[in-house]
PDB file of N, CA and C in Angstrom:
ATOM      1  N   MET A   1     -16.783  -7.307  17.345  1.00  0.00           N
ATOM      2  CA  MET A   1     -15.912  -6.605  17.351  1.00  0.00           C
ATOM      3  C   MET A   1     -15.949  -5.559  18.033  1.00  0.00           C
ATOM      4  N   ASN A   2     -14.763  -4.925  18.869  1.00  0.00           N
ATOM      5  CA  ASN A   2     -14.647  -3.818  19.646  1.00  0.00           C
ATOM      6  C   ASN A   2     -14.422  -2.479  18.869  1.00  0.00           C
ATOM      7  N   ILE A   3     -14.591  -1.406  19.967  1.00  0.00           N
ATOM      8  CA  ILE A   3     -14.693  -0.033  18.903  1.00  0.00           C
ATOM      9  C   ILE A   3     -13.175   0.036  18.321  1.00  0.00           C
ATOM     10  N   GLU A   4     -12.039  -0.173  18.961  1.00  0.00           N
ATOM     11  CA  GLU A   4     -10.688  -0.126  18.754  1.00  0.00           C
ATOM     12  C   GLU A   4     -10.672  -0.638  17.210  1.00  0.00           C
ATOM     13  N   ARG A   5     -11.128  -1.882  16.936  1.00  0.00           N
ATOM     14  CA  ARG A   5     -10.996  -2.762  15.944  1.00  0.00           C
ATOM     15  C   ARG A   5     -11.579  -2.269  14.685  1.00  0.00           C
ATOM     16  N   ILE A   6     -13.027  -1.834  15.029  1.00  0.00           N
ATOM     17  CA  ILE A   6     -13.837  -1.421  14.242  1.00  0.00           C
ATOM     18  C   ILE A   6     -13.050  -0.251  13.460  1.00  0.00           C
ATOM     19  N   VAL A   7     -12.691   0.944  14.338  1.00  0.00           N
ATOM     20  CA  VAL A   7     -12.158   2.322  13.905  1.00  0.00           C
ATOM     21  C   VAL A   7     -10.912   1.713  12.882  1.00  0.00           C
ATOM     22  N   LEU A   8     -10.218   1.094  13.352  1.00  0.00           N
ATOM     23  CA  LEU A   8      -8.785   0.549  12.531  1.00  0.00           C
ATOM     24  C   LEU A   8      -9.508  -0.083  11.290  1.00  0.00           C
ATOM     25  N   ALA A   9     -10.246  -1.157  10.818  1.00  0.00           N
ATOM     26  CA  ALA A   9     -11.121  -1.686  10.053  1.00  0.00           C
ATOM     27  C   ALA A   9     -11.760  -0.548   8.935  1.00  0.00           C
ATOM     28  N   PHE A  10     -12.346   0.374   9.549  1.00  0.00           N
ATOM     29  CA  PHE A  10     -13.082   1.508   8.824  1.00  0.00           C
ATOM     30  C   PHE A  10     -12.025   2.580   8.033  1.00  0.00           C
ATOM     31  N   ALA A  11     -10.955   2.712   8.764  1.00  0.00           N
ATOM     32  CA  ALA A  11      -9.768   3.559   8.457  1.00  0.00           C
ATOM     33  C   ALA A  11      -8.933   2.836   7.186  1.00  0.00           C
ATOM     34  N   GLY A  12      -8.827   1.684   7.351  1.00  0.00           N
ATOM     35  CA  GLY A  12      -7.943   0.630   6.200  1.00  0.00           C
ATOM     36  C   GLY A  12      -8.967   0.693   4.989  1.00  0.00           C
ATOM     37  N   ILE A  13     -10.095   0.464   5.440  1.00  0.00           N
ATOM     38  CA  ILE A  13     -10.855   0.413   4.120  1.00  0.00           C
ATOM     39  C   ILE A  13     -11.262   1.679   3.628  1.00  0.00           C
ATOM     40  N   ALA A  14     -11.448   2.859   4.177  1.00  0.00           N
ATOM     41  CA  ALA A  14     -11.462   4.198   3.616  1.00  0.00           C
ATOM     42  C   ALA A  14     -10.420   4.364   2.768  1.00  0.00           C
ATOM     43  N   ILE A  15      -9.188   4.195   3.330  1.00  0.00           N
ATOM     44  CA  ILE A  15      -7.871   4.509   2.921  1.00  0.00           C
ATOM     45  C   ILE A  15      -8.050   3.810   1.320  1.00  0.00           C
ATOM     46  N   LEU A  16      -7.748   2.529   1.531  1.00  0.00           N
ATOM     47  CA  LEU A  16      -7.877   1.563   0.308  1.00  0.00           C
ATOM     48  C   LEU A  16      -8.792   1.859  -1.008  1.00  0.00           C
ATOM     49  N   ALA A  17      -9.981   2.225  -0.440  1.00  0.00           N
ATOM     50  CA  ALA A  17     -11.298   2.432  -1.382  1.00  0.00           C
ATOM     51  C   ALA A  17     -10.705   3.773  -1.924  1.00  0.00           C
ATOM     52  N   SER A  18     -10.393   4.962  -1.365  1.00  0.00           N
ATOM     53  CA  SER A  18      -9.939   6.324  -1.841  1.00  0.00           C
ATOM     54  C   SER A  18      -8.943   6.087  -2.604  1.00  0.00           C
ATOM     55  N   LEU A  19      -7.803   5.077  -2.512  1.00  0.00           N
ATOM     56  CA  LEU A  19      -6.858   5.113  -3.342  1.00  0.00           C
ATOM     57  C   LEU A  19      -7.137   4.314  -4.613  1.00  0.00           C
ATOM     58  N   ALA A  20      -8.270   3.615  -4.707  1.00  0.00           N
ATOM     59  CA  ALA A  20      -8.665   2.787  -5.916  1.00  0.00           C
ATOM     60  C   ALA A  20      -9.459   3.734  -6.534  1.00  0.00           C
ATOM     61  N   LEU A  21     -10.207   4.498  -5.901  1.00  0.00           N
ATOM     62  CA  LEU A  21     -10.957   5.391  -6.695  1.00  0.00           C
ATOM     63  C   LEU A  21      -9.864   6.725  -7.220  1.00  0.00           C
ATOM     64  N   SER A  22      -9.066   7.249  -6.802  1.00  0.00           N
ATOM     65  CA  SER A  22      -8.058   8.144  -7.339  1.00  0.00           C
ATOM     66  C   SER A  22      -7.494   7.382  -8.405  1.00  0.00           C
ATOM     67  N   HIS A  23      -7.087   6.300  -8.477  1.00  0.00           N
ATOM     68  CA  HIS A  23      -6.467   5.613  -9.486  1.00  0.00           C
ATOM     69  C   HIS A  23      -7.520   5.553 -10.661  1.00  0.00           C
ATOM     70  N   TYR A  24      -8.398   4.946 -10.456  1.00  0.00           N
ATOM     71  CA  TYR A  24      -9.542   4.548 -11.491  1.00  0.00           C
ATOM     72  C   TYR A  24     -10.622   5.507 -12.093  1.00  0.00           C
ATOM     73  N   HIS A  25     -10.627   6.655 -11.146  1.00  0.00           N
ATOM     74  CA  HIS A  25     -11.813   7.609 -11.370  1.00  0.00           C
ATOM     75  C   HIS A  25     -11.116   9.191 -11.405  1.00  0.00           C
ATOM     76  N   ASN A  26     -10.778   9.700 -10.216  1.00  0.00           N
ATOM     77  CA  ASN A  26     -10.414  10.834 -10.088  1.00  0.00           C
ATOM     78  C   ASN A  26      -9.214  11.277  -9.238  1.00  0.00           C
ATOM     79  N   PRO A  27      -8.248  11.929  -9.474  1.00  0.00           N
ATOM     80  CA  PRO A  27      -7.157  11.825  -8.391  1.00  0.00           C
ATOM     81  C   PRO A  27      -7.390  12.699  -7.145  1.00  0.00           C
ATOM     82  N   TYR A  28      -8.677  13.545  -7.128  1.00  0.00           N
ATOM     83  CA  TYR A  28      -9.156  14.464  -6.021  1.00  0.00           C
ATOM     84  C   TYR A  28      -9.436  13.133  -4.887  1.00  0.00           C
ATOM     85  N   TRP A  29      -9.749  12.330  -5.029  1.00  0.00           N
ATOM     86  CA  TRP A  29     -10.167  11.246  -4.085  1.00  0.00           C
ATOM     87  C   TRP A  29      -8.879  11.161  -2.944  1.00  0.00           C
ATOM     88  N   LEU A  30      -7.742  11.530  -3.411  1.00  0.00           N
ATOM     89  CA  LEU A  30      -6.635  11.468  -2.295  1.00  0.00           C
ATOM     90  C   LEU A  30      -6.835  12.537  -1.302  1.00  0.00           C
ATOM     91  N   TYR A  31      -7.585  13.489  -1.634  1.00  0.00           N
ATOM     92  CA  TYR A  31      -8.075  14.277  -0.438  1.00  0.00           C
ATOM     93  C   TYR A  31      -8.670  13.887   0.403  1.00  0.00           C
ATOM     94  N   PHE A  32      -9.427  12.748   0.430  1.00  0.00           N
ATOM     95  CA  PHE A  32     -10.123  11.802   1.489  1.00  0.00           C
ATOM     96  C   PHE A  32      -9.166  11.038   1.971  1.00  0.00           C
ATOM     97  N   THR A  33      -8.353  10.239   1.362  1.00  0.00           N
ATOM     98  CA  THR A  33      -7.459   9.580   1.823  1.00  0.00           C
ATOM     99  C   THR A  33      -6.427  10.407   2.838  1.00  0.00           C
ATOM    100  N   ALA A  34      -6.269  11.711   2.608  1.00  0.00           N
ATOM    101  CA  ALA A  34      -5.535  12.701   3.302  1.00  0.00           C
ATOM    102  C   ALA A  34      -6.138  12.705   4.710  1.00  0.00           C
ATOM    103  N   PHE A  35      -7.459  13.113   4.407  1.00  0.00           N
ATOM    104  CA  PHE A  35      -8.616  13.293   5.719  1.00  0.00           C
ATOM    105  C   PHE A  35      -8.597  12.522   6.569  1.00  0.00           C
ATOM    106  N   VAL A  36      -8.895  10.914   6.207  1.00  0.00           N
ATOM    107  CA  VAL A  36      -8.669   9.966   6.744  1.00  0.00           C
ATOM    108  C   VAL A  36      -7.304   9.962   7.778  1.00  0.00           C
ATOM    109  N   GLY A  37      -6.019  10.254   7.025  1.00  0.00           N
ATOM    110  CA  GLY A  37      -4.725   9.940   7.632  1.00  0.00           C
ATOM    111  C   GLY A  37      -4.667  11.012   8.973  1.00  0.00           C
ATOM    112  N   LEU A  38      -5.022  12.498   8.427  1.00  0.00           N
ATOM    113  CA  LEU A  38      -5.156  13.222   9.440  1.00  0.00           C
ATOM    114  C   LEU A  38      -6.033  13.435  10.758  1.00  0.00           C
ATOM    115  N   ASN A  39      -7.023  12.653  10.465  1.00  0.00           N
ATOM    116  CA  ASN A  39      -8.333  12.018  11.647  1.00  0.00           C
ATOM    117  C   ASN A  39      -7.424  11.196  12.421  1.00  0.00           C
ATOM    118  N   LEU A  40      -6.792  10.388  11.911  1.00  0.00           N
ATOM    119  CA  LEU A  40      -5.891   9.138  12.886  1.00  0.00           C
ATOM    120  C   LEU A  40      -5.143  10.024  13.689  1.00  0.00           C
ATOM    121  N   LEU A  41      -4.277  10.895  12.904  1.00  0.00           N
ATOM    122  CA  LEU A  41      -3.086  11.542  13.849  1.00  0.00           C
ATOM    123  C   LEU A  41      -3.548  12.520  14.799  1.00  0.00           C
ATOM    124  N   GLN A  42      -4.665  13.116  14.693  1.00  0.00           N
ATOM    125  CA  GLN A  42      -5.220  13.958  15.546  1.00  0.00           C
ATOM    126  C   GLN A  42      -5.748  13.293  16.684  1.00  0.00           C
ATOM    127  N   SER A  43      -6.574  11.850  16.324  1.00  0.00           N
ATOM    128  CA  SER A  43      -6.721  11.045  17.383  1.00  0.00           C
ATOM    129  C   SER A  43      -5.845  10.445  18.186  1.00  0.00           C
ATOM    130  N   ALA A  44      -4.620  10.350  17.786  1.00  0.00           N
ATOM    131  CA  ALA A  44      -3.574   9.805  18.539  1.00  0.00           C
ATOM    132  C   ALA A  44      -3.302  10.746  19.595  1.00  0.00           C
ATOM    133  N   PHE A  45      -3.047  11.742  19.459  1.00  0.00           N
ATOM    134  CA  PHE A  45      -2.996  12.959  20.127  1.00  0.00           C
ATOM    135  C   PHE A  45      -3.938  13.450  21.184  1.00  0.00           C
ATOM    136  N   THR A  46      -5.041  13.790  20.484  1.00  0.00           N
ATOM    137  CA  THR A  46      -6.126  14.186  21.541  1.00  0.00           C
ATOM    138  C   THR A  46      -7.007  13.047  22.126  1.00  0.00           C
ATOM    139  N   GLY A  47      -7.120  12.001  21.401  1.00  0.00           N
ATOM    140  CA  GLY A  47      -7.851  10.861  22.141  1.00  0.00           C
ATOM    141  C   GLY A  47      -9.485  11.101  21.482  1.00  0.00           C
ATOM    142  N   PHE A  48      -9.633  11.895  20.751  1.00  0.00           N
ATOM    143  CA  PHE A  48     -11.021  12.091  20.350  1.00  0.00           C
ATOM    144  C   PHE A  48     -11.226  11.578  18.741  1.00  0.00           C
ATOM    145  N   CYS A  49     -12.105  10.729  18.698  1.00  0.00           N
ATOM    146  CA  CYS A  49     -12.531  10.017  17.307  1.00  0.00           C
ATOM    147  C   CYS A  49     -14.010  10.278  16.965  1.00  0.00           C
ATOM    148  N   PRO A  50     -14.347  10.791  15.945  1.00  0.00           N
ATOM    149  CA  PRO A  50     -15.759  10.981  16.101  1.00  0.00           C
ATOM    150  C   PRO A  50     -16.430   9.686  15.674  1.00  0.00           C
ATOM    151  N   LEU A  51     -15.553   8.848  15.031  1.00  0.00           N
ATOM    152  CA  LEU A  51     -16.328   7.554  14.651  1.00  0.00           C
ATOM    153  C   LEU A  51     -16.382   6.555  16.181  1.00  0.00           C
ATOM    154  N   ALA A  52     -15.307   6.325  16.961  1.00  0.00           N
ATOM    155  CA  ALA A  52     -15.338   5.934  18.259  1.00  0.00           C
ATOM    156  C   ALA A  52     -16.554   6.576  18.892  1.00  0.00           C
ATOM    157  N   THR A  53     -16.874   7.659  19.033  1.00  0.00           N
ATOM    158  CA  THR A  53     -18.009   8.325  19.789  1.00  0.00           C
ATOM    159  C   THR A  53     -19.265   7.876  19.534  1.00  0.00           C
ATOM    160  N   MET A  54     -19.335   7.772  17.836  1.00  0.00           N
ATOM    161  CA  MET A  54     -20.875   6.958  17.341  1.00  0.00           C
ATOM    162  C   MET A  54     -21.149   5.780  17.656  1.00  0.00           C
ATOM    163  N   LEU A  55     -19.818   4.804  17.565  1.00  0.00           N
ATOM    164  CA  LEU A  55     -20.152   3.510  18.052  1.00  0.00           C
ATOM    165  C   LEU A  55     -20.465   3.365  19.358  1.00  0.00           C
ATOM    166  N   LYS A  56     -19.860   4.339  20.491  1.00  0.00           N
ATOM    167  CA  LYS A  56     -20.293   4.500  21.821  1.00  0.00           C
ATOM    168  C   LYS A  56     -21.636   4.632  21.899  1.00  0.00           C
ATOM    169  N   MET A  57     -22.084   5.593  21.173  1.00  0.00           N
ATOM    170  CA  MET A  57     -23.644   5.811  21.462  1.00  0.00           C
ATOM    171  C   MET A  57     -24.550   4.770  20.892  1.00  0.00           C
ATOM    172  N   ILE A  58     -24.000   3.578  19.862  1.00  0.00           N
ATOM    173  CA  ILE A  58     -24.789   2.704  19.601  1.00  0.00           C
ATOM    174  C   ILE A  58     -24.892   1.601  20.414  1.00  0.00           C
ATOM    175  N   GLY A  59     -23.721   1.689  21.431  1.00  0.00           N
ATOM    176  CA  GLY A  59     -23.736   0.558  22.535  1.00  0.00           C
ATOM    177  C   GLY A  59     -22.623  -0.586  22.237  1.00  0.00           C
ATOM    178  N   LYS A  60     -21.427   0.046  21.451  1.00  0.00           N
ATOM    179  CA  LYS A  60     -20.182  -1.043  21.040  1.00  0.00           C
ATOM    180  C   LYS A  60     -19.546  -0.945  22.440  1.00  0.00           C
ATOM    181  N   LYS A  61     -18.839  -2.026  22.660  1.00  0.00           N
ATOM    182  CA  LYS A  61     -17.759  -1.957  23.812  1.00  0.00           C
ATOM    183  C   LYS A  61     -16.422  -1.624  23.247  1.00  0.00           C
ATOM    184  N   SER A  62     -15.768  -1.062  24.243  1.00  0.00           N
ATOM    185  CA  SER A  62     -14.418  -0.967  24.007  1.00  0.00           C
ATOM    186  C   SER A  62     -13.128  -1.627  24.815  1.00  0.00           C
ATOM    187  N   CYS A  63     -12.401  -2.171  24.608  1.00  0.00           N
ATOM    188  CA  CYS A  63     -11.224  -2.445  25.084  1.00  0.00           C
ATOM    189  C   CYS A  63     -10.027  -2.428  24.097  1.00  0.00           C
ATOM    190  N   ASN A  64      -8.896  -2.962  24.707  1.00  0.00           N
ATOM    191  CA  ASN A  64      -7.730  -2.718  24.247  1.00  0.00           C
ATOM    192  C   ASN A  64      -7.508  -3.473  23.051  1.00  0.00           C
ATOM    193  N   ALA A  65      -7.045  -2.713  22.025  1.00  0.00           N
ATOM    194  CA  ALA A  65      -6.675  -3.360  20.586  1.00  0.00           C
ATOM    195  C   ALA A  65      -5.597  -4.462  20.788  1.00  0.00           C
ATOM    196  N   PHE A  66      -4.799  -3.964  21.389  1.00  0.00           N
ATOM    197  CA  PHE A  66      -3.458  -4.429  20.983  1.00  0.00           C
ATOM    198  C   PHE A  66      -2.996  -5.262  22.211  1.00  0.00           C
TER     199      PHE A  66
END
């Protein structure tokens, strides 16, 4: 998998997991959902994504996701 697909998959898993945790455990998990959404929004405008930076450091390849 390339960096873009890993980032999208991680964001999707994090959002779904936090929604499930907020439903079954504690509604404060929705703050994590908001954090992931805000991070996706800021990376769309700035081009900076912390997860993508970490994946580059460990040697993952980047290419166009779509």
